Amino acid sequence: MSHTLIIFAKLPEEVETYVVPNHEITDDMRKLLTLAHGKFINCDIMNDGMKFLNVALCKDTNYASDVPDEIDMTKYASVFAHCKVPLDSGPIEGLTIDHVYSMGFIL
């Protein structure tokens, strides 16, 4: 099974990593991830991909209803939160990663 690695930097304090099985990512989600790639909240102009990532990674499922947008973000509430891999848990081994997305938040 192949996976997608999402690197979410909260600069300058921490980095979060998420390893998401590709079968959990829809075509629409993949398009939104591509929009968010390389962008930083509080630095770049907010786009739908960045809003999606905020909602998808947040453990609080109610957060999605607070995000003003033309797209209904509630369907993406916490969809990737369960895929978080703590950086102090050791190396990630034995997985196939075929997509990598990096984005974040400047505090």
Protein backbone atom coordinates (compact mmCIF):
# COMPACT_ATOMS: atom_id res chain seq x y z
CA MET A 1 0.00 0.00 0.00
CA SER A 2 1.33 3.45 -0.88
CA HIS A 3 1.10 6.56 1.26
CA THR A 4 1.27 10.34 1.13
CA LEU A 5 3.53 12.25 3.51
CA ILE A 6 2.22 15.62 4.69
CA ILE A 7 4.71 17.89 6.44
CA PHE A 8 3.02 20.72 8.31
CA ALA A 9 5.46 23.23 9.80
CA LYS A 10 4.38 25.55 12.58
CA LEU A 11 7.26 27.97 12.32
CA PRO A 12 9.35 28.57 14.31
CA GLU A 13 8.18 26.09 16.94
CA GLU A 14 7.37 22.64 15.59
CA VAL A 15 6.84 20.34 12.62
CA GLU A 16 4.02 17.82 12.36
CA THR A 17 4.09 14.83 10.02
CA TYR A 18 1.15 12.84 8.72
CA VAL A 19 1.36 9.58 6.79
CA VAL A 20 -1.91 9.09 4.96
CA PRO A 21 -2.78 5.90 3.03
CA ASN A 22 -3.46 6.94 -0.56
CA HIS A 23 -6.79 5.12 -0.62
CA GLU A 24 -8.06 7.67 1.95
CA ILE A 25 -7.33 10.61 -0.37
CA THR A 26 -9.98 11.44 -2.97
CA ASP A 27 -9.22 13.22 -6.25
CA ASP A 28 -10.73 16.41 -4.80
CA MET A 29 -8.51 16.16 -1.73
CA ARG A 30 -5.44 15.61 -3.93
CA LYS A 31 -6.26 18.80 -5.87
CA LEU A 32 -6.61 20.75 -2.62
CA LEU A 33 -3.30 19.35 -1.31
CA THR A 34 -1.63 20.53 -4.50
CA LEU A 35 -3.04 24.04 -3.96
CA ALA A 36 -1.67 24.10 -0.40
CA HIS A 37 1.78 22.73 -1.26
CA GLY A 38 4.56 25.17 -0.50
CA LYS A 39 2.23 27.73 1.11
CA PHE A 40 2.32 29.22 4.60
CA ILE A 41 -0.66 30.61 6.48
CA ASN A 42 0.00 34.18 7.66
CA CYS A 43 2.50 34.62 4.82
CA ASP A 44 0.77 33.58 1.57
CA ILE A 45 -2.71 34.49 0.37
CA MET A 46 -5.12 31.94 1.83
CA ASN A 47 -6.50 29.47 -0.71
CA ASP A 48 -8.95 26.56 -0.59
CA GLY A 49 -6.12 24.05 -0.23
CA MET A 50 -4.79 25.77 2.87
CA LYS A 51 -8.27 25.93 4.38
CA PHE A 52 -8.75 22.24 3.60
CA LEU A 53 -5.50 21.30 5.36
CA ASN A 54 -6.40 23.31 8.45
CA VAL A 55 -9.69 21.43 8.69
CA ALA A 56 -8.38 17.99 7.70
CA LEU A 57 -5.50 18.00 10.22
CA CYS A 58 -7.39 19.53 13.14
CA LYS A 59 -8.54 17.08 15.84
CA ASP A 60 -11.53 19.32 16.66
CA THR A 61 -14.25 18.29 14.21
CA ASN A 62 -16.28 21.41 15.07
CA TYR A 63 -13.52 23.66 13.69
CA ALA A 64 -14.68 23.01 10.11
CA SER A 65 -17.97 24.81 10.66
CA ASP A 66 -16.06 27.97 11.65
CA VAL A 67 -14.17 28.19 8.34
CA PRO A 68 -15.89 30.65 5.97
CA ASP A 69 -15.70 29.31 2.44
CA GLU A 70 -17.57 28.56 -0.74
CA ILE A 71 -16.60 24.90 -0.36
CA ASP A 72 -18.33 22.89 2.37
CA MET A 73 -15.31 22.11 4.56
CA THR A 74 -17.33 20.14 7.12
CA LYS A 75 -17.02 16.99 5.00
CA TYR A 76 -13.23 17.18 5.48
CA ALA A 77 -13.33 17.64 9.27
CA SER A 78 -10.39 15.80 10.88
CA VAL A 79 -10.06 13.31 8.00
CA PHE A 80 -6.26 13.15 8.36
CA ALA A 81 -5.92 13.84 12.11
CA HIS A 82 -5.61 10.11 12.87
CA CYS A 83 -2.60 9.86 10.54
CA LYS A 84 -0.29 12.05 12.63
CA VAL A 85 3.09 10.45 13.32
CA PRO A 86 5.00 11.95 16.26
CA LEU A 87 8.55 12.85 15.25
CA ASP A 88 9.88 11.38 18.48
CA SER A 89 8.41 7.94 17.75
CA GLY A 90 11.45 6.86 15.72
CA PRO A 91 11.97 6.39 12.01
CA ILE A 92 9.07 5.55 9.73
CA GLU A 93 10.07 2.30 8.06
CA GLY A 94 8.57 -0.18 5.65
CA LEU A 95 6.20 2.23 3.90
CA THR A 96 6.00 3.33 0.31
CA ILE A 97 5.66 7.12 0.09
CA ASP A 98 4.81 8.30 -3.40
CA HIS A 99 3.54 11.83 -2.70
CA VAL A 100 5.00 14.49 -0.40
CA TYR A 101 3.31 17.79 0.42
CA SER A 102 4.85 20.51 2.56
CA MET A 103 3.08 23.54 3.93
CA GLY A 104 2.60 25.29 7.22
CA PHE A 105 1.77 28.17 9.45
CA ILE A 106 3.98 31.10 10.42
CA LEU A 107 3.24 31.90 14.06
